[in-house]
């Protein structure tokens, strides 16, 4: 497949995924189309900024994320890094700080 066609198809598929259209692709198909699933890179400073955007203490933020307060403290100090789905959740909270407000019962 020519690179320009491959690129156009990859862009179209990526647009479909971003628009929420239901689709199913294998890892091999995604790779063949040149679509990249970006790695979430997040610094200790960014984690603290995200927490501050939510207006929560480390303890409450930890409870909201279902992690220990020690984990949040160590992430913010750069002693540990969040992994897996937690990194994605932090990225989402950066974009929408009130995303998890539904979990806080009044």
PDB file of N, CA and C in Angstrom:
ATOM      1  N   UNK A   1       0.851  -1.176   0.000  1.00  0.00           N
ATOM      2  CA  UNK A   1       0.000   0.000   0.000  1.00  0.00           C
ATOM      3  C   UNK A   1       0.895   1.237   0.000  1.00  0.00           C
ATOM      4  N   UNK A   2       0.572   2.195  -0.856  1.00  0.00           N
ATOM      5  CA  UNK A   2       1.368   3.417  -0.916  1.00  0.00           C
ATOM      6  C   UNK A   2       1.224   4.202   0.378  1.00  0.00           C
ATOM      7  N   UNK A   3       2.279   4.889   0.734  1.00  0.00           N
ATOM      8  CA  UNK A   3       2.300   5.629   1.998  1.00  0.00           C
ATOM      9  C   UNK A   3       1.207   6.690   2.095  1.00  0.00           C
ATOM     10  N   UNK A   4       0.910   7.377   0.976  1.00  0.00           N
ATOM     11  CA  UNK A   4      -0.112   8.428   1.039  1.00  0.00           C
ATOM     12  C   UNK A   4      -1.499   7.833   1.280  1.00  0.00           C
ATOM     13  N   UNK A   5      -1.783   6.705   0.658  1.00  0.00           N
ATOM     14  CA  UNK A   5      -3.071   6.038   0.856  1.00  0.00           C
ATOM     15  C   UNK A   5      -3.148   5.511   2.282  1.00  0.00           C
ATOM     16  N   UNK A   6      -2.065   4.886   2.730  1.00  0.00           N
ATOM     17  CA  UNK A   6      -2.007   4.353   4.082  1.00  0.00           C
ATOM     18  C   UNK A   6      -2.212   5.474   5.106  1.00  0.00           C
ATOM     19  N   UNK A   7      -1.590   6.602   4.881  1.00  0.00           N
ATOM     20  CA  UNK A   7      -1.722   7.739   5.775  1.00  0.00           C
ATOM     21  C   UNK A   7      -3.158   8.264   5.791  1.00  0.00           C
ATOM     22  N   UNK A   8      -3.774   8.362   4.622  1.00  0.00           N
ATOM     23  CA  UNK A   8      -5.158   8.852   4.536  1.00  0.00           C
ATOM     24  C   UNK A   8      -6.111   7.915   5.261  1.00  0.00           C
ATOM     25  N   UNK A   9      -5.913   6.605   5.083  1.00  0.00           N
ATOM     26  CA  UNK A   9      -6.766   5.628   5.759  1.00  0.00           C
ATOM     27  C   UNK A   9      -6.545   5.708   7.268  1.00  0.00           C
ATOM     28  N   UNK A  10      -5.304   5.801   7.677  1.00  0.00           N
ATOM     29  CA  UNK A  10      -4.983   5.906   9.098  1.00  0.00           C
ATOM     30  C   UNK A  10      -5.625   7.127   9.732  1.00  0.00           C
ATOM     31  N   UNK A  11      -5.569   8.264   9.032  1.00  0.00           N
ATOM     32  CA  UNK A  11      -6.184   9.495   9.537  1.00  0.00           C
ATOM     33  C   UNK A  11      -7.697   9.336   9.646  1.00  0.00           C
ATOM     34  N   UNK A  12      -8.302   8.706   8.643  1.00  0.00           N
ATOM     35  CA  UNK A  12      -9.751   8.485   8.664  1.00  0.00           C
ATOM     36  C   UNK A  12     -10.155   7.593   9.827  1.00  0.00           C
ATOM     37  N   UNK A  13      -9.411   6.514  10.039  1.00  0.00           N
ATOM     38  CA  UNK A  13      -9.720   5.605  11.144  1.00  0.00           C
ATOM     39  C   UNK A  13      -9.550   6.322  12.478  1.00  0.00           C
ATOM     40  N   UNK A  14      -8.494   7.103  12.606  1.00  0.00           N
ATOM     41  CA  UNK A  14      -8.268   7.838  13.843  1.00  0.00           C
ATOM     42  C   UNK A  14      -9.402   8.830  14.088  1.00  0.00           C
ATOM     43  N   UNK A  15      -9.855   9.510  13.050  1.00  0.00           N
ATOM     44  CA  UNK A  15     -10.992  10.425  13.174  1.00  0.00           C
ATOM     45  C   UNK A  15     -12.250   9.676  13.612  1.00  0.00           C
ATOM     46  N   UNK A  16     -12.450   8.470  13.075  1.00  0.00           N
ATOM     47  CA  UNK A  16     -13.604   7.650  13.459  1.00  0.00           C
ATOM     48  C   UNK A  16     -13.548   7.330  14.951  1.00  0.00           C
ATOM     49  N   UNK A  17     -12.376   6.915  15.413  1.00  0.00           N
ATOM     50  CA  UNK A  17     -12.218   6.562  16.828  1.00  0.00           C
ATOM     51  C   UNK A  17     -12.449   7.773  17.727  1.00  0.00           C
ATOM     52  N   UNK A  18     -11.899   8.926  17.324  1.00  0.00           N
ATOM     53  CA  UNK A  18     -12.030  10.137  18.126  1.00  0.00           C
ATOM     54  C   UNK A  18     -13.467  10.654  18.154  1.00  0.00           C
ATOM     55  N   UNK A  19     -14.222  10.380  17.086  1.00  0.00           N
ATOM     56  CA  UNK A  19     -15.606  10.859  17.038  1.00  0.00           C
ATOM     57  C   UNK A  19     -16.562   9.934  17.769  1.00  0.00           C
ATOM     58  N   UNK A  20     -16.051   8.791  18.222  1.00  0.00           N
ATOM     59  CA  UNK A  20     -16.884   7.885  19.003  1.00  0.00           C
ATOM     60  C   UNK A  20     -17.641   6.866  18.172  1.00  0.00           C
ATOM     61  N   UNK A  21     -17.372   6.807  16.882  1.00  0.00           N
ATOM     62  CA  UNK A  21     -18.024   5.792  16.056  1.00  0.00           C
ATOM     63  C   UNK A  21     -17.598   4.406  16.523  1.00  0.00           C
ATOM     64  N   UNK A  22     -18.556   3.536  16.639  1.00  0.00           N
ATOM     65  CA  UNK A  22     -18.249   2.185  17.098  1.00  0.00           C
ATOM     66  C   UNK A  22     -17.462   1.469  15.999  1.00  0.00           C
ATOM     67  N   UNK A  23     -16.339   0.931  16.395  1.00  0.00           N
ATOM     68  CA  UNK A  23     -15.504   0.196  15.456  1.00  0.00           C
ATOM     69  C   UNK A  23     -14.653  -0.794  16.236  1.00  0.00           C
ATOM     70  N   UNK A  24     -14.117  -1.734  15.535  1.00  0.00           N
ATOM     71  CA  UNK A  24     -13.285  -2.737  16.172  1.00  0.00           C
ATOM     72  C   UNK A  24     -12.061  -2.987  15.301  1.00  0.00           C
ATOM     73  N   UNK A  25     -10.901  -2.798  15.888  1.00  0.00           N
ATOM     74  CA  UNK A  25      -9.655  -3.007  15.167  1.00  0.00           C
ATOM     75  C   UNK A  25      -8.713  -3.831  16.017  1.00  0.00           C
ATOM     76  N   UNK A  26      -7.968  -4.692  15.371  1.00  0.00           N
ATOM     77  CA  UNK A  26      -6.952  -5.458  16.080  1.00  0.00           C
ATOM     78  C   UNK A  26      -5.685  -4.619  16.180  1.00  0.00           C
ATOM     79  N   UNK A  27      -4.806  -5.022  17.052  1.00  0.00           N
ATOM     80  CA  UNK A  27      -3.523  -4.336  17.209  1.00  0.00           C
ATOM     81  C   UNK A  27      -2.759  -4.352  15.885  1.00  0.00           C
ATOM     82  N   UNK A  28      -2.814  -5.469  15.198  1.00  0.00           N
ATOM     83  CA  UNK A  28      -2.120  -5.597  13.909  1.00  0.00           C
ATOM     84  C   UNK A  28      -2.687  -4.600  12.888  1.00  0.00           C
ATOM     85  N   UNK A  29      -4.013  -4.471  12.852  1.00  0.00           N
ATOM     86  CA  UNK A  29      -4.641  -3.533  11.906  1.00  0.00           C
ATOM     87  C   UNK A  29      -4.278  -2.093  12.251  1.00  0.00           C
ATOM     88  N   UNK A  30      -4.311  -1.774  13.529  1.00  0.00           N
ATOM     89  CA  UNK A  30      -3.943  -0.420  13.967  1.00  0.00           C
ATOM     90  C   UNK A  30      -2.505  -0.112  13.554  1.00  0.00           C
ATOM     91  N   UNK A  31      -1.603  -1.056  13.794  1.00  0.00           N
ATOM     92  CA  UNK A  31      -0.199  -0.864  13.419  1.00  0.00           C
ATOM     93  C   UNK A  31      -0.043  -0.728  11.912  1.00  0.00           C
ATOM     94  N   UNK A  32      -0.748  -1.561  11.152  1.00  0.00           N
ATOM     95  CA  UNK A  32      -0.649  -1.529   9.695  1.00  0.00           C
ATOM     96  C   UNK A  32      -1.119  -0.193   9.134  1.00  0.00           C
ATOM     97  N   UNK A  33      -2.074   0.428   9.793  1.00  0.00           N
ATOM     98  CA  UNK A  33      -2.592   1.718   9.341  1.00  0.00           C
ATOM     99  C   UNK A  33      -1.752   2.889   9.827  1.00  0.00           C
ATOM    100  N   UNK A  34      -0.767   2.593  10.642  1.00  0.00           N
ATOM    101  CA  UNK A  34       0.117   3.642  11.133  1.00  0.00           C
ATOM    102  C   UNK A  34      -0.493   4.502  12.226  1.00  0.00           C
ATOM    103  N   UNK A  35      -1.494   3.952  12.909  1.00  0.00           N
ATOM    104  CA  UNK A  35      -2.122   4.691  14.003  1.00  0.00           C
ATOM    105  C   UNK A  35      -1.336   4.438  15.278  1.00  0.00           C
ATOM    106  N   UNK A  36      -1.094   5.500  15.994  1.00  0.00           N
ATOM    107  CA  UNK A  36      -0.297   5.408  17.216  1.00  0.00           C
ATOM    108  C   UNK A  36      -1.175   5.690  18.434  1.00  0.00           C
ATOM    109  N   UNK A  37      -1.103   4.828  19.411  1.00  0.00           N
ATOM    110  CA  UNK A  37      -1.752   5.087  20.690  1.00  0.00           C
ATOM    111  C   UNK A  37      -0.677   5.703  21.566  1.00  0.00           C
ATOM    112  N   UNK A  38      -0.868   6.977  21.867  1.00  0.00           N
ATOM    113  CA  UNK A  38       0.165   7.745  22.546  1.00  0.00           C
ATOM    114  C   UNK A  38       0.377   7.274  23.982  1.00  0.00           C
ATOM    115  N   UNK A  39       1.622   7.265  24.374  1.00  0.00           N
ATOM    116  CA  UNK A  39       1.996   6.977  25.766  1.00  0.00           C
ATOM    117  C   UNK A  39       1.640   8.190  26.612  1.00  0.00           C
ATOM    118  N   UNK A  40       1.093   7.951  27.781  1.00  0.00           N
ATOM    119  CA  UNK A  40       0.770   9.050  28.693  1.00  0.00           C
ATOM    120  C   UNK A  40       2.003   9.341  29.533  1.00  0.00           C
ATOM    121  N   UNK A  41       2.543  10.520  29.353  1.00  0.00           N
ATOM    122  CA  UNK A  41       3.694  10.958  30.132  1.00  0.00           C
ATOM    123  C   UNK A  41       3.221  12.058  31.062  1.00  0.00           C
ATOM    124  N   UNK A  42       3.471  11.879  32.336  1.00  0.00           N
ATOM    125  CA  UNK A  42       2.976  12.838  33.320  1.00  0.00           C
ATOM    126  C   UNK A  42       4.041  13.054  34.396  1.00  0.00           C
ATOM    127  N   UNK A  43       4.319  14.301  34.676  1.00  0.00           N
ATOM    128  CA  UNK A  43       5.363  14.641  35.645  1.00  0.00           C
ATOM    129  C   UNK A  43       4.762  14.840  37.039  1.00  0.00           C
ATOM    130  N   UNK A  44       5.603  14.801  38.056  1.00  0.00           N
ATOM    131  CA  UNK A  44       5.121  15.073  39.414  1.00  0.00           C
ATOM    132  C   UNK A  44       4.438  16.446  39.530  1.00  0.00           C
ATOM    133  N   UNK A  45       4.987  17.442  38.866  1.00  0.00           N
ATOM    134  CA  UNK A  45       4.402  18.784  38.904  1.00  0.00           C
ATOM    135  C   UNK A  45       3.016  18.776  38.270  1.00  0.00           C
ATOM    136  N   UNK A  46       2.864  18.057  37.153  1.00  0.00           N
ATOM    137  CA  UNK A  46       1.559  17.975  36.491  1.00  0.00           C
ATOM    138  C   UNK A  46       0.534  17.257  37.373  1.00  0.00           C
ATOM    139  N   UNK A  47       0.968  16.220  38.069  1.00  0.00           N
ATOM    140  CA  UNK A  47       0.057  15.499  38.958  1.00  0.00           C
ATOM    141  C   UNK A  47      -0.463  16.433  40.047  1.00  0.00           C
ATOM    142  N   UNK A  48       0.434  17.208  40.614  1.00  0.00           N
ATOM    143  CA  UNK A  48       0.032  18.143  41.666  1.00  0.00           C
ATOM    144  C   UNK A  48      -0.926  19.201  41.106  1.00  0.00           C
ATOM    145  N   UNK A  49      -0.645  19.699  39.892  1.00  0.00           N
ATOM    146  CA  UNK A  49      -1.524  20.686  39.254  1.00  0.00           C
ATOM    147  C   UNK A  49      -2.913  20.093  39.005  1.00  0.00           C
ATOM    148  N   UNK A  50      -2.949  18.841  38.573  1.00  0.00           N
ATOM    149  CA  UNK A  50      -4.231  18.173  38.330  1.00  0.00           C
ATOM    150  C   UNK A  50      -5.012  18.072  39.634  1.00  0.00           C
ATOM    151  N   UNK A  51      -4.339  17.665  40.696  1.00  0.00           N
ATOM    152  CA  UNK A  51      -5.007  17.555  41.996  1.00  0.00           C
ATOM    153  C   UNK A  51      -5.517  18.917  42.453  1.00  0.00           C
ATOM    154  N   UNK A  52      -4.706  19.941  42.257  1.00  0.00           N
ATOM    155  CA  UNK A  52      -5.113  21.296  42.660  1.00  0.00           C
ATOM    156  C   UNK A  52      -6.332  21.758  41.852  1.00  0.00           C
ATOM    157  N   UNK A  53      -6.396  21.382  40.571  1.00  0.00           N
ATOM    158  CA  UNK A  53      -7.557  21.737  39.749  1.00  0.00           C
ATOM    159  C   UNK A  53      -8.845  21.147  40.307  1.00  0.00           C
ATOM    160  N   UNK A  54      -8.728  19.986  40.943  1.00  0.00           N
ATOM    161  CA  UNK A  54      -9.910  19.340  41.512  1.00  0.00           C
ATOM    162  C   UNK A  54     -10.263  19.906  42.882  1.00  0.00           C
ATOM    163  N   UNK A  55      -9.373  20.738  43.433  1.00  0.00           N
ATOM    164  CA  UNK A  55      -9.576  21.371  44.747  1.00  0.00           C
ATOM    165  C   UNK A  55      -9.709  20.332  45.865  1.00  0.00           C
ATOM    166  N   UNK A  56      -8.860  19.293  45.787  1.00  0.00           N
ATOM    167  CA  UNK A  56      -8.909  18.224  46.783  1.00  0.00           C
ATOM    168  C   UNK A  56      -7.562  18.049  47.465  1.00  0.00           C
ATOM    169  N   UNK A  57      -7.610  17.610  48.712  1.00  0.00           N
ATOM    170  CA  UNK A  57      -6.383  17.268  49.429  1.00  0.00           C
ATOM    171  C   UNK A  57      -5.821  15.971  48.840  1.00  0.00           C
ATOM    172  N   UNK A  58      -4.588  15.655  49.193  1.00  0.00           N
ATOM    173  CA  UNK A  58      -3.993  14.404  48.724  1.00  0.00           C
ATOM    174  C   UNK A  58      -4.815  13.202  49.172  1.00  0.00           C
ATOM    175  N   UNK A  59      -5.304  13.243  50.402  1.00  0.00           N
ATOM    176  CA  UNK A  59      -6.057  12.116  50.956  1.00  0.00           C
ATOM    177  C   UNK A  59      -7.369  11.896  50.211  1.00  0.00           C
ATOM    178  N   UNK A  60      -8.106  12.968  49.961  1.00  0.00           N
ATOM    179  CA  UNK A  60      -9.392  12.845  49.262  1.00  0.00           C
ATOM    180  C   UNK A  60      -9.162  12.485  47.799  1.00  0.00           C
ATOM    181  N   UNK A  61      -8.144  13.082  47.190  1.00  0.00           N
ATOM    182  CA  UNK A  61      -7.800  12.770  45.801  1.00  0.00           C
ATOM    183  C   UNK A  61      -7.454  11.289  45.667  1.00  0.00           C
ATOM    184  N   UNK A  62      -6.693  10.779  46.613  1.00  0.00           N
ATOM    185  CA  UNK A  62      -6.324   9.361  46.612  1.00  0.00           C
ATOM    186  C   UNK A  62      -7.570   8.482  46.707  1.00  0.00           C
ATOM    187  N   UNK A  63      -8.482   8.858  47.584  1.00  0.00           N
ATOM    188  CA  UNK A  63      -9.714   8.073  47.734  1.00  0.00           C
ATOM    189  C   UNK A  63     -10.529   8.096  46.441  1.00  0.00           C
ATOM    190  N   UNK A  64     -10.575   9.241  45.803  1.00  0.00           N
ATOM    191  CA  UNK A  64     -11.301   9.383  44.542  1.00  0.00           C
ATOM    192  C   UNK A  64     -10.707   8.475  43.466  1.00  0.00           C
ATOM    193  N   UNK A  65      -9.378   8.362  43.443  1.00  0.00           N
ATOM    194  CA  UNK A  65      -8.689   7.525  42.446  1.00  0.00           C
ATOM    195  C   UNK A  65      -8.580   6.063  42.879  1.00  0.00           C
ATOM    196  N   UNK A  66      -8.996   5.789  44.119  1.00  0.00           N
ATOM    197  CA  UNK A  66      -8.912   4.436  44.673  1.00  0.00           C
ATOM    198  C   UNK A  66      -7.459   3.954  44.789  1.00  0.00           C
ATOM    199  N   UNK A  67      -6.612   4.865  45.264  1.00  0.00           N
ATOM    200  CA  UNK A  67      -5.206   4.544  45.549  1.00  0.00           C
ATOM    201  C   UNK A  67      -4.909   5.027  46.965  1.00  0.00           C
ATOM    202  N   UNK A  68      -3.759   4.702  47.471  1.00  0.00           N
ATOM    203  CA  UNK A  68      -3.405   5.133  48.831  1.00  0.00           C
ATOM    204  C   UNK A  68      -2.937   6.588  48.819  1.00  0.00           C
ATOM    205  N   UNK A  69      -3.157   7.293  49.918  1.00  0.00           N
ATOM    206  CA  UNK A  69      -2.628   8.665  50.022  1.00  0.00           C
ATOM    207  C   UNK A  69      -1.105   8.691  49.852  1.00  0.00           C
ATOM    208  N   UNK A  70      -0.455   7.637  50.290  1.00  0.00           N
ATOM    209  CA  UNK A  70       0.996   7.536  50.141  1.00  0.00           C
ATOM    210  C   UNK A  70       1.390   7.531  48.663  1.00  0.00           C
ATOM    211  N   UNK A  71       0.598   6.870  47.833  1.00  0.00           N
ATOM    212  CA  UNK A  71       0.889   6.845  46.391  1.00  0.00           C
ATOM    213  C   UNK A  71       0.832   8.243  45.806  1.00  0.00           C
ATOM    214  N   UNK A  72      -0.226   8.986  46.123  1.00  0.00           N
ATOM    215  CA  UNK A  72      -0.357  10.352  45.601  1.00  0.00           C
ATOM    216  C   UNK A  72       0.818  11.205  46.071  1.00  0.00           C
ATOM    217  N   UNK A  73       1.151  11.101  47.342  1.00  0.00           N
ATOM    218  CA  UNK A  73       2.268  11.875  47.901  1.00  0.00           C
ATOM    219  C   UNK A  73       3.569  11.536  47.166  1.00  0.00           C
ATOM    220  N   UNK A  74       3.821  10.242  46.952  1.00  0.00           N
ATOM    221  CA  UNK A  74       5.050   9.822  46.278  1.00  0.00           C
ATOM    222  C   UNK A  74       5.060  10.217  44.803  1.00  0.00           C
ATOM    223  N   UNK A  75       3.895  10.202  44.144  1.00  0.00           N
ATOM    224  CA  UNK A  75       3.833  10.676  42.749  1.00  0.00           C
ATOM    225  C   UNK A  75       4.215  12.144  42.681  1.00  0.00           C
ATOM    226  N   UNK A  76       3.655  12.942  43.605  1.00  0.00           N
ATOM    227  CA  UNK A  76       3.912  14.379  43.592  1.00  0.00           C
ATOM    228  C   UNK A  76       5.353  14.708  43.969  1.00  0.00           C
ATOM    229  N   UNK A  77       6.000  13.826  44.721  1.00  0.00           N
ATOM    230  CA  UNK A  77       7.397  14.038  45.101  1.00  0.00           C
ATOM    231  C   UNK A  77       8.363  13.431  44.083  1.00  0.00           C
ATOM    232  N   UNK A  78       7.843  12.728  43.099  1.00  0.00           N
ATOM    233  CA  UNK A  78       8.681  12.110  42.078  1.00  0.00           C
ATOM    234  C   UNK A  78       9.353  10.829  42.524  1.00  0.00           C
ATOM    235  N   UNK A  79       8.924  10.264  43.646  1.00  0.00           N
ATOM    236  CA  UNK A  79       9.521   9.026  44.150  1.00  0.00           C
ATOM    237  C   UNK A  79       8.936   7.796  43.459  1.00  0.00           C
ATOM    238  N   UNK A  80       7.716   7.904  42.979  1.00  0.00           N
ATOM    239  CA  UNK A  80       7.052   6.823  42.237  1.00  0.00           C
ATOM    240  C   UNK A  80       6.300   7.453  41.082  1.00  0.00           C
ATOM    241  N   UNK A  81       5.889   6.630  40.130  1.00  0.00           N
ATOM    242  CA  UNK A  81       5.085   7.118  39.008  1.00  0.00           C
ATOM    243  C   UNK A  81       3.807   6.299  38.910  1.00  0.00           C
ATOM    244  N   UNK A  82       2.695   6.950  38.563  1.00  0.00           N
ATOM    245  CA  UNK A  82       1.463   6.196  38.368  1.00  0.00           C
ATOM    246  C   UNK A  82       1.623   5.275  37.163  1.00  0.00           C
ATOM    247  N   UNK A  83       0.866   4.208  37.157  1.00  0.00           N
ATOM    248  CA  UNK A  83       0.965   3.243  36.065  1.00  0.00           C
ATOM    249  C   UNK A  83      -0.402   2.971  35.455  1.00  0.00           C
ATOM    250  N   UNK A  84      -0.373   2.337  34.309  1.00  0.00           N
ATOM    251  CA  UNK A  84      -1.573   1.830  33.660  1.00  0.00           C
ATOM    252  C   UNK A  84      -2.711   2.814  33.548  1.00  0.00           C
ATOM    253  N   UNK A  85      -3.885   2.338  33.945  1.00  0.00           N
ATOM    254  CA  UNK A  85      -5.113   3.121  33.810  1.00  0.00           C
ATOM    255  C   UNK A  85      -5.082   4.389  34.657  1.00  0.00           C
ATOM    256  N   UNK A  86      -4.308   4.394  35.727  1.00  0.00           N
ATOM    257  CA  UNK A  86      -4.235   5.588  36.578  1.00  0.00           C
ATOM    258  C   UNK A  86      -3.651   6.763  35.800  1.00  0.00           C
ATOM    259  N   UNK A  87      -2.650   6.506  34.956  1.00  0.00           N
ATOM    260  CA  UNK A  87      -2.075   7.585  34.146  1.00  0.00           C
ATOM    261  C   UNK A  87      -3.125   8.157  33.196  1.00  0.00           C
ATOM    262  N   UNK A  88      -3.908   7.280  32.598  1.00  0.00           N
ATOM    263  CA  UNK A  88      -4.954   7.727  31.673  1.00  0.00           C
ATOM    264  C   UNK A  88      -6.009   8.521  32.433  1.00  0.00           C
ATOM    265  N   UNK A  89      -6.384   8.044  33.611  1.00  0.00           N
ATOM    266  CA  UNK A  89      -7.373   8.749  34.425  1.00  0.00           C
ATOM    267  C   UNK A  89      -6.866  10.138  34.821  1.00  0.00           C
ATOM    268  N   UNK A  90      -5.605  10.237  35.181  1.00  0.00           N
ATOM    269  CA  UNK A  90      -5.023  11.544  35.512  1.00  0.00           C
ATOM    270  C   UNK A  90      -5.054  12.472  34.295  1.00  0.00           C
ATOM    271  N   UNK A  91      -4.760  11.920  33.130  1.00  0.00           N
ATOM    272  CA  UNK A  91      -4.804  12.709  31.898  1.00  0.00           C
ATOM    273  C   UNK A  91      -6.230  13.225  31.644  1.00  0.00           C
ATOM    274  N   UNK A  92      -7.220  12.370  31.854  1.00  0.00           N
ATOM    275  CA  UNK A  92      -8.618  12.774  31.686  1.00  0.00           C
ATOM    276  C   UNK A  92      -9.018  13.842  32.710  1.00  0.00           C
ATOM    277  N   UNK A  93      -8.554  13.689  33.936  1.00  0.00           N
ATOM    278  CA  UNK A  93      -8.850  14.688  34.964  1.00  0.00           C
ATOM    279  C   UNK A  93      -8.202  16.027  34.648  1.00  0.00           C
ATOM    280  N   UNK A  94      -7.066  15.996  33.980  1.00  0.00           N
ATOM    281  CA  UNK A  94      -6.413  17.236  33.574  1.00  0.00           C
ATOM    282  C   UNK A  94      -7.304  17.981  32.578  1.00  0.00           C
ATOM    283  N   UNK A  95      -7.935  17.238  31.686  1.00  0.00           N
ATOM    284  CA  UNK A  95      -8.809  17.841  30.676  1.00  0.00           C
ATOM    285  C   UNK A  95     -10.177  18.207  31.249  1.00  0.00           C
ATOM    286  N   UNK A  96     -10.678  17.406  32.194  1.00  0.00           N
ATOM    287  CA  UNK A  96     -12.003  17.615  32.788  1.00  0.00           C
ATOM    288  C   UNK A  96     -11.923  17.397  34.296  1.00  0.00           C
ATOM    289  N   UNK A  97     -11.524  18.419  35.046  1.00  0.00           N
ATOM    290  CA  UNK A  97     -11.310  18.261  36.490  1.00  0.00           C
ATOM    291  C   UNK A  97     -12.535  17.765  37.273  1.00  0.00           C
ATOM    292  N   UNK A  98     -13.724  17.932  36.728  1.00  0.00           N
ATOM    293  CA  UNK A  98     -14.934  17.510  37.444  1.00  0.00           C
ATOM    294  C   UNK A  98     -15.433  16.145  36.984  1.00  0.00           C
ATOM    295  N   UNK A  99     -14.614  15.438  36.233  1.00  0.00           N
ATOM    296  CA  UNK A  99     -14.990  14.144  35.666  1.00  0.00           C
ATOM    297  C   UNK A  99     -15.478  13.153  36.722  1.00  0.00           C
ATOM    298  N   UNK A 100     -14.855  13.136  37.879  1.00  0.00           N
ATOM    299  CA  UNK A 100     -15.194  12.158  38.907  1.00  0.00           C
ATOM    300  C   UNK A 100     -16.047  12.740  40.034  1.00  0.00           C
ATOM    301  N   UNK A 101     -16.594  13.920  39.828  1.00  0.00           N
ATOM    302  CA  UNK A 101     -17.425  14.527  40.865  1.00  0.00           C
ATOM    303  C   UNK A 101     -18.611  13.639  41.247  1.00  0.00           C
ATOM    304  N   UNK A 102     -19.090  12.841  40.317  1.00  0.00           N
ATOM    305  CA  UNK A 102     -20.230  11.960  40.606  1.00  0.00           C
ATOM    306  C   UNK A 102     -19.910  10.968  41.732  1.00  0.00           C
ATOM    307  N   UNK A 103     -18.626  10.720  41.970  1.00  0.00           N
ATOM    308  CA  UNK A 103     -18.239   9.771  43.013  1.00  0.00           C
ATOM    309  C   UNK A 103     -18.295  10.382  44.407  1.00  0.00           C
ATOM    310  N   UNK A 104     -18.426  11.689  44.483  1.00  0.00           N
ATOM    311  CA  UNK A 104     -18.476  12.362  45.777  1.00  0.00           C
ATOM    312  C   UNK A 104     -19.940  12.563  46.141  1.00  0.00           C
ATOM    313  N   UNK A 105     -20.386  11.785  47.106  1.00  0.00           N
ATOM    314  CA  UNK A 105     -21.787  11.834  47.529  1.00  0.00           C
ATOM    315  C   UNK A 105     -22.009  13.001  48.482  1.00  0.00           C
ATOM    316  N   UNK A 106     -23.145  13.625  48.343  1.00  0.00           N
ATOM    317  CA  UNK A 106     -23.505  14.751  49.224  1.00  0.00           C
ATOM    318  C   UNK A 106     -24.560  14.300  50.192  1.00  0.00           C
TER     319      UNK A 106
END
